[in-house]
Amino acid sequence: MLTGKEKIEPTKSFLSKMVAGMSRIDPVEDVKESEGLQLPFIDVIPSPGHTPGSTSYLFKPENILFVGDAFSVSSGEAKINKSFTADIPAAERSKEKLLSMKGVTVLPGHGSSMHL
């Protein structure tokens, strides 16, 4: 769940700083964590790297894995956008963890879907 606890800072790349300079990036304040919310058909998977609190979601009835910006898929390959990733080593670990989930269809925030 989004909690709006911290401001997201741009990464060190020139492109990230340029985009941040033209955008207003503030913490999310209108969506709060729901204590005790349990959805038996969705697994929440911590996948830090793109941002410190990034999460992915496995929709179990259909074996669909929503990875958001954990990685993108291009030409059938999972890739981390290093220009917009806060912690590249953590993102690599998250990517490997997510790619180890066999039998799922991955839906990234950018790029094509991929079946594992």
N, C-alpha and C. Protein backbone atom coordinates (compact mmCIF):
# COMPACT_ATOMS: atom_id res chain seq x y z
N MET A 1 0.83 -1.18 0.00
CA MET A 1 0.00 0.00 0.00
C MET A 1 0.88 1.24 0.00
N LEU A 2 0.41 2.26 -0.64
CA LEU A 2 1.13 3.53 -0.66
C LEU A 2 0.89 4.25 0.66
N THR A 3 1.95 4.80 1.20
CA THR A 3 1.79 5.50 2.47
C THR A 3 2.24 6.95 2.42
N GLY A 4 2.98 7.33 1.41
CA GLY A 4 3.41 8.72 1.30
C GLY A 4 4.39 9.12 2.37
N LYS A 5 5.22 8.19 2.83
CA LYS A 5 6.12 8.47 3.94
C LYS A 5 7.37 9.24 3.55
N GLU A 6 7.81 9.10 2.31
CA GLU A 6 9.06 9.76 1.96
C GLU A 6 9.02 10.37 0.57
N LYS A 7 9.78 11.42 0.42
CA LYS A 7 9.88 12.09 -0.88
C LYS A 7 10.84 11.28 -1.75
N ILE A 8 10.50 11.10 -3.00
CA ILE A 8 11.36 10.37 -3.92
C ILE A 8 12.33 11.35 -4.56
N GLU A 9 13.60 11.09 -4.39
CA GLU A 9 14.65 11.94 -4.96
C GLU A 9 15.06 11.38 -6.32
N PRO A 10 15.46 12.25 -7.25
CA PRO A 10 15.94 11.74 -8.54
C PRO A 10 17.23 10.95 -8.35
N THR A 11 17.50 10.02 -9.27
CA THR A 11 18.76 9.29 -9.22
C THR A 11 19.88 10.20 -9.70
N LYS A 12 21.09 9.68 -9.76
CA LYS A 12 22.25 10.50 -10.11
C LYS A 12 22.36 10.80 -11.60
N SER A 13 21.57 10.14 -12.43
CA SER A 13 21.70 10.35 -13.87
C SER A 13 21.22 11.74 -14.28
N PHE A 14 21.83 12.26 -15.32
CA PHE A 14 21.46 13.57 -15.85
C PHE A 14 19.99 13.58 -16.26
N LEU A 15 19.56 12.52 -16.96
CA LEU A 15 18.18 12.44 -17.44
C LEU A 15 17.18 12.47 -16.28
N SER A 16 17.47 11.72 -15.23
CA SER A 16 16.59 11.70 -14.06
C SER A 16 16.49 13.08 -13.42
N LYS A 17 17.61 13.76 -13.30
CA LYS A 17 17.60 15.11 -12.71
C LYS A 17 16.86 16.10 -13.60
N MET A 18 17.01 15.94 -14.92
CA MET A 18 16.31 16.82 -15.85
C MET A 18 14.79 16.63 -15.74
N VAL A 19 14.36 15.37 -15.72
CA VAL A 19 12.92 15.08 -15.59
C VAL A 19 12.41 15.59 -14.25
N ALA A 20 13.17 15.37 -13.18
CA ALA A 20 12.75 15.84 -11.86
C ALA A 20 12.64 17.36 -11.81
N GLY A 21 13.52 18.04 -12.55
CA GLY A 21 13.48 19.50 -12.59
C GLY A 21 12.24 20.03 -13.27
N MET A 22 11.68 19.25 -14.18
CA MET A 22 10.48 19.67 -14.90
C MET A 22 9.20 19.13 -14.26
N SER A 23 9.36 18.23 -13.29
CA SER A 23 8.21 17.59 -12.66
C SER A 23 8.15 17.95 -11.19
N ARG A 24 6.98 17.83 -10.66
CA ARG A 24 6.82 18.01 -9.23
C ARG A 24 6.67 16.63 -8.62
N ILE A 25 7.65 16.21 -7.83
CA ILE A 25 7.63 14.88 -7.23
C ILE A 25 7.45 15.05 -5.73
N ASP A 26 6.25 14.80 -5.26
CA ASP A 26 5.94 14.90 -3.84
C ASP A 26 5.48 13.55 -3.33
N PRO A 27 5.60 13.32 -2.03
CA PRO A 27 5.07 12.07 -1.48
C PRO A 27 3.57 11.97 -1.71
N VAL A 28 3.10 10.76 -1.87
CA VAL A 28 1.66 10.52 -1.99
C VAL A 28 1.07 10.70 -0.60
N GLU A 29 0.07 11.54 -0.49
CA GLU A 29 -0.51 11.80 0.83
C GLU A 29 -1.97 11.40 0.92
N ASP A 30 -2.60 11.11 -0.21
CA ASP A 30 -4.03 10.83 -0.16
C ASP A 30 -4.36 9.35 -0.15
N VAL A 31 -3.36 8.49 -0.21
CA VAL A 31 -3.59 7.05 -0.12
C VAL A 31 -2.86 6.56 1.11
N LYS A 32 -3.56 5.96 2.02
CA LYS A 32 -2.95 5.51 3.27
C LYS A 32 -3.04 4.00 3.38
N GLU A 33 -2.11 3.45 4.12
CA GLU A 33 -2.07 2.02 4.34
C GLU A 33 -3.33 1.57 5.08
N SER A 34 -3.86 0.45 4.65
CA SER A 34 -5.04 -0.12 5.31
C SER A 34 -4.57 -1.23 6.23
N GLU A 35 -4.62 -0.98 7.53
CA GLU A 35 -4.17 -1.99 8.48
C GLU A 35 -5.04 -3.22 8.38
N GLY A 36 -4.38 -4.36 8.34
CA GLY A 36 -5.11 -5.62 8.35
C GLY A 36 -5.73 -6.01 7.03
N LEU A 37 -5.51 -5.23 5.98
CA LEU A 37 -6.08 -5.57 4.68
C LEU A 37 -5.42 -6.84 4.17
N GLN A 38 -6.22 -7.86 3.94
CA GLN A 38 -5.70 -9.13 3.43
C GLN A 38 -6.52 -9.53 2.22
N LEU A 39 -5.84 -9.76 1.13
CA LEU A 39 -6.49 -10.22 -0.08
C LEU A 39 -5.90 -11.60 -0.38
N PRO A 40 -6.64 -12.66 -0.14
CA PRO A 40 -6.08 -14.00 -0.26
C PRO A 40 -5.65 -14.37 -1.67
N PHE A 41 -6.10 -13.63 -2.66
CA PHE A 41 -5.76 -13.95 -4.04
C PHE A 41 -4.61 -13.11 -4.59
N ILE A 42 -4.02 -12.24 -3.76
CA ILE A 42 -2.89 -11.41 -4.18
C ILE A 42 -1.76 -11.55 -3.17
N ASP A 43 -0.56 -11.86 -3.68
CA ASP A 43 0.64 -11.85 -2.84
C ASP A 43 1.39 -10.55 -3.10
N VAL A 44 1.79 -9.88 -2.04
CA VAL A 44 2.60 -8.67 -2.13
C VAL A 44 4.06 -9.09 -2.00
N ILE A 45 4.88 -8.72 -2.97
CA ILE A 45 6.27 -9.16 -3.01
C ILE A 45 7.18 -7.93 -2.95
N PRO A 46 7.90 -7.75 -1.84
CA PRO A 46 8.84 -6.62 -1.78
C PRO A 46 9.85 -6.74 -2.93
N SER A 47 10.04 -5.65 -3.65
CA SER A 47 10.99 -5.65 -4.77
C SER A 47 11.70 -4.30 -4.85
N PRO A 48 12.47 -3.97 -3.79
CA PRO A 48 13.14 -2.68 -3.74
C PRO A 48 14.19 -2.54 -4.83
N GLY A 49 14.49 -1.31 -5.13
CA GLY A 49 15.53 -1.00 -6.12
C GLY A 49 15.14 0.23 -6.91
N HIS A 50 14.05 0.13 -7.67
CA HIS A 50 13.58 1.32 -8.40
C HIS A 50 13.36 2.45 -7.40
N THR A 51 12.65 2.13 -6.33
CA THR A 51 12.53 3.00 -5.16
C THR A 51 12.71 2.10 -3.94
N PRO A 52 13.00 2.67 -2.77
CA PRO A 52 13.25 1.83 -1.59
C PRO A 52 12.08 0.91 -1.23
N GLY A 53 10.86 1.35 -1.38
CA GLY A 53 9.72 0.55 -0.96
C GLY A 53 8.95 -0.10 -2.09
N SER A 54 9.58 -0.28 -3.24
CA SER A 54 8.88 -0.86 -4.39
C SER A 54 8.33 -2.25 -4.06
N THR A 55 7.15 -2.52 -4.60
CA THR A 55 6.52 -3.83 -4.41
C THR A 55 5.99 -4.32 -5.75
N SER A 56 5.90 -5.64 -5.85
CA SER A 56 5.28 -6.29 -6.99
C SER A 56 4.10 -7.09 -6.45
N TYR A 57 3.19 -7.47 -7.34
CA TYR A 57 1.96 -8.14 -6.91
C TYR A 57 1.69 -9.35 -7.78
N LEU A 58 1.49 -10.51 -7.14
CA LEU A 58 1.14 -11.73 -7.85
C LEU A 58 -0.36 -11.95 -7.71
N PHE A 59 -1.07 -11.89 -8.82
CA PHE A 59 -2.51 -12.16 -8.87
C PHE A 59 -2.64 -13.66 -9.08
N LYS A 60 -2.84 -14.39 -7.97
CA LYS A 60 -2.74 -15.85 -7.97
C LYS A 60 -3.74 -16.58 -8.86
N PRO A 61 -4.99 -16.13 -8.96
CA PRO A 61 -5.92 -16.91 -9.80
C PRO A 61 -5.46 -17.06 -11.25
N GLU A 62 -4.75 -16.08 -11.77
CA GLU A 62 -4.33 -16.12 -13.18
C GLU A 62 -2.81 -16.24 -13.33
N ASN A 63 -2.08 -16.34 -12.21
CA ASN A 63 -0.61 -16.37 -12.25
C ASN A 63 -0.04 -15.19 -13.02
N ILE A 64 -0.53 -14.00 -12.69
CA ILE A 64 -0.05 -12.77 -13.32
C ILE A 64 0.76 -11.99 -12.29
N LEU A 65 1.97 -11.64 -12.66
CA LEU A 65 2.88 -10.91 -11.78
C LEU A 65 3.04 -9.48 -12.29
N PHE A 66 2.52 -8.53 -11.53
CA PHE A 66 2.65 -7.11 -11.85
C PHE A 66 3.93 -6.60 -11.19
N VAL A 67 4.93 -6.23 -11.99
CA VAL A 67 6.21 -5.81 -11.43
C VAL A 67 6.42 -4.30 -11.45
N GLY A 68 5.50 -3.56 -12.05
CA GLY A 68 5.63 -2.11 -12.09
C GLY A 68 6.93 -1.69 -12.73
N ASP A 69 7.73 -0.89 -12.02
CA ASP A 69 9.00 -0.40 -12.54
C ASP A 69 10.20 -1.19 -12.02
N ALA A 70 9.96 -2.37 -11.43
CA ALA A 70 11.08 -3.20 -10.97
C ALA A 70 12.01 -3.50 -12.14
N PHE A 71 11.42 -3.75 -13.30
CA PHE A 71 12.18 -3.89 -14.55
C PHE A 71 11.21 -3.73 -15.71
N SER A 72 11.77 -3.49 -16.89
CA SER A 72 10.97 -3.44 -18.11
C SER A 72 11.32 -4.67 -18.92
N VAL A 73 10.53 -4.95 -19.96
CA VAL A 73 10.81 -6.08 -20.84
C VAL A 73 10.92 -5.55 -22.26
N SER A 74 12.05 -5.85 -22.88
CA SER A 74 12.30 -5.43 -24.26
C SER A 74 12.94 -6.59 -25.01
N SER A 75 12.36 -6.96 -26.14
CA SER A 75 12.84 -8.09 -26.95
C SER A 75 12.96 -9.36 -26.11
N GLY A 76 12.00 -9.56 -25.21
CA GLY A 76 11.97 -10.76 -24.38
C GLY A 76 12.97 -10.79 -23.24
N GLU A 77 13.64 -9.67 -22.98
CA GLU A 77 14.65 -9.60 -21.93
C GLU A 77 14.25 -8.60 -20.85
N ALA A 78 14.38 -9.02 -19.59
CA ALA A 78 14.10 -8.13 -18.46
C ALA A 78 15.29 -7.20 -18.26
N LYS A 79 15.00 -5.89 -18.20
CA LYS A 79 16.07 -4.89 -18.09
C LYS A 79 15.72 -3.86 -17.02
N ILE A 80 16.72 -3.49 -16.26
CA ILE A 80 16.56 -2.42 -15.27
C ILE A 80 16.93 -1.10 -15.93
N ASN A 81 16.08 -0.10 -15.75
CA ASN A 81 16.38 1.23 -16.27
C ASN A 81 17.28 1.93 -15.25
N LYS A 82 18.58 1.82 -15.46
CA LYS A 82 19.55 2.33 -14.49
C LYS A 82 19.47 3.84 -14.30
N SER A 83 18.98 4.55 -15.30
CA SER A 83 18.87 6.01 -15.18
C SER A 83 17.80 6.43 -14.18
N PHE A 84 16.84 5.56 -13.93
CA PHE A 84 15.73 5.91 -13.04
C PHE A 84 15.60 4.91 -11.89
N THR A 85 16.70 4.31 -11.47
CA THR A 85 16.69 3.33 -10.39
C THR A 85 17.52 3.85 -9.23
N ALA A 86 16.92 3.90 -8.05
CA ALA A 86 17.57 4.47 -6.88
C ALA A 86 18.72 3.59 -6.36
N ASP A 87 18.56 2.26 -6.40
CA ASP A 87 19.55 1.33 -5.84
C ASP A 87 19.71 0.17 -6.82
N ILE A 88 20.70 0.27 -7.70
CA ILE A 88 20.86 -0.72 -8.77
C ILE A 88 21.15 -2.12 -8.22
N PRO A 89 22.04 -2.31 -7.24
CA PRO A 89 22.25 -3.67 -6.72
C PRO A 89 20.97 -4.28 -6.14
N ALA A 90 20.18 -3.49 -5.41
CA ALA A 90 18.91 -4.00 -4.87
C ALA A 90 17.95 -4.33 -6.01
N ALA A 91 17.94 -3.50 -7.04
CA ALA A 91 17.06 -3.76 -8.19
C ALA A 91 17.46 -5.05 -8.90
N GLU A 92 18.75 -5.32 -9.02
CA GLU A 92 19.22 -6.57 -9.64
C GLU A 92 18.76 -7.77 -8.82
N ARG A 93 18.88 -7.67 -7.49
CA ARG A 93 18.43 -8.78 -6.63
C ARG A 93 16.93 -8.98 -6.76
N SER A 94 16.18 -7.90 -6.79
CA SER A 94 14.72 -8.01 -6.94
C SER A 94 14.36 -8.62 -8.28
N LYS A 95 15.05 -8.19 -9.33
CA LYS A 95 14.78 -8.73 -10.66
C LYS A 95 15.01 -10.24 -10.68
N GLU A 96 16.13 -10.69 -10.13
CA GLU A 96 16.43 -12.13 -10.11
C GLU A 96 15.39 -12.90 -9.29
N LYS A 97 14.98 -12.32 -8.16
CA LYS A 97 13.95 -12.98 -7.34
C LYS A 97 12.65 -13.11 -8.12
N LEU A 98 12.24 -12.05 -8.79
CA LEU A 98 10.99 -12.08 -9.55
C LEU A 98 11.08 -13.02 -10.75
N LEU A 99 12.23 -13.05 -11.42
CA LEU A 99 12.40 -13.92 -12.58
C LEU A 99 12.46 -15.40 -12.19
N SER A 100 12.70 -15.68 -10.92
CA SER A 100 12.74 -17.08 -10.47
C SER A 100 11.34 -17.66 -10.27
N MET A 101 10.32 -16.85 -10.39
CA MET A 101 8.94 -17.30 -10.20
C MET A 101 8.43 -17.91 -11.50
N LYS A 102 8.56 -19.21 -11.63
CA LYS A 102 8.21 -19.90 -12.87
C LYS A 102 6.69 -20.08 -13.00
N GLY A 103 6.24 -20.10 -14.26
CA GLY A 103 4.82 -20.33 -14.54
C GLY A 103 3.94 -19.11 -14.43
N VAL A 104 4.56 -17.92 -14.37
CA VAL A 104 3.77 -16.69 -14.27
C VAL A 104 3.95 -15.85 -15.53
N THR A 105 2.97 -15.01 -15.79
CA THR A 105 3.07 -14.02 -16.85
C THR A 105 3.41 -12.69 -16.20
N VAL A 106 4.51 -12.09 -16.61
CA VAL A 106 4.99 -10.84 -16.03
C VAL A 106 4.42 -9.66 -16.82
N LEU A 107 3.83 -8.71 -16.09
CA LEU A 107 3.34 -7.47 -16.69
C LEU A 107 4.12 -6.31 -16.06
N PRO A 108 5.09 -5.77 -16.81
CA PRO A 108 5.85 -4.63 -16.29
C PRO A 108 5.13 -3.31 -16.54
N GLY A 109 5.59 -2.27 -15.89
CA GLY A 109 5.04 -0.94 -16.13
C GLY A 109 5.41 -0.40 -17.49
N HIS A 110 6.49 -0.91 -18.07
CA HIS A 110 6.97 -0.47 -19.38
C HIS A 110 7.41 -1.69 -20.17
N GLY A 111 7.09 -1.72 -21.44
CA GLY A 111 7.54 -2.81 -22.30
C GLY A 111 6.49 -3.89 -22.45
N SER A 112 6.94 -5.02 -22.97
CA SER A 112 6.06 -6.14 -23.28
C SER A 112 5.87 -7.05 -22.07
N SER A 113 4.88 -7.91 -22.16
CA SER A 113 4.72 -8.94 -21.15
C SER A 113 5.72 -10.06 -21.45
N MET A 114 5.93 -10.94 -20.47
CA MET A 114 6.83 -12.07 -20.66
C MET A 114 6.32 -13.23 -19.82
N HIS A 115 6.45 -14.44 -20.33
CA HIS A 115 6.02 -15.62 -19.58
C HIS A 115 7.25 -16.33 -19.04
N LEU A 116 7.22 -16.67 -17.77
CA LEU A 116 8.36 -17.36 -17.15
C LEU A 116 8.05 -18.84 -16.97
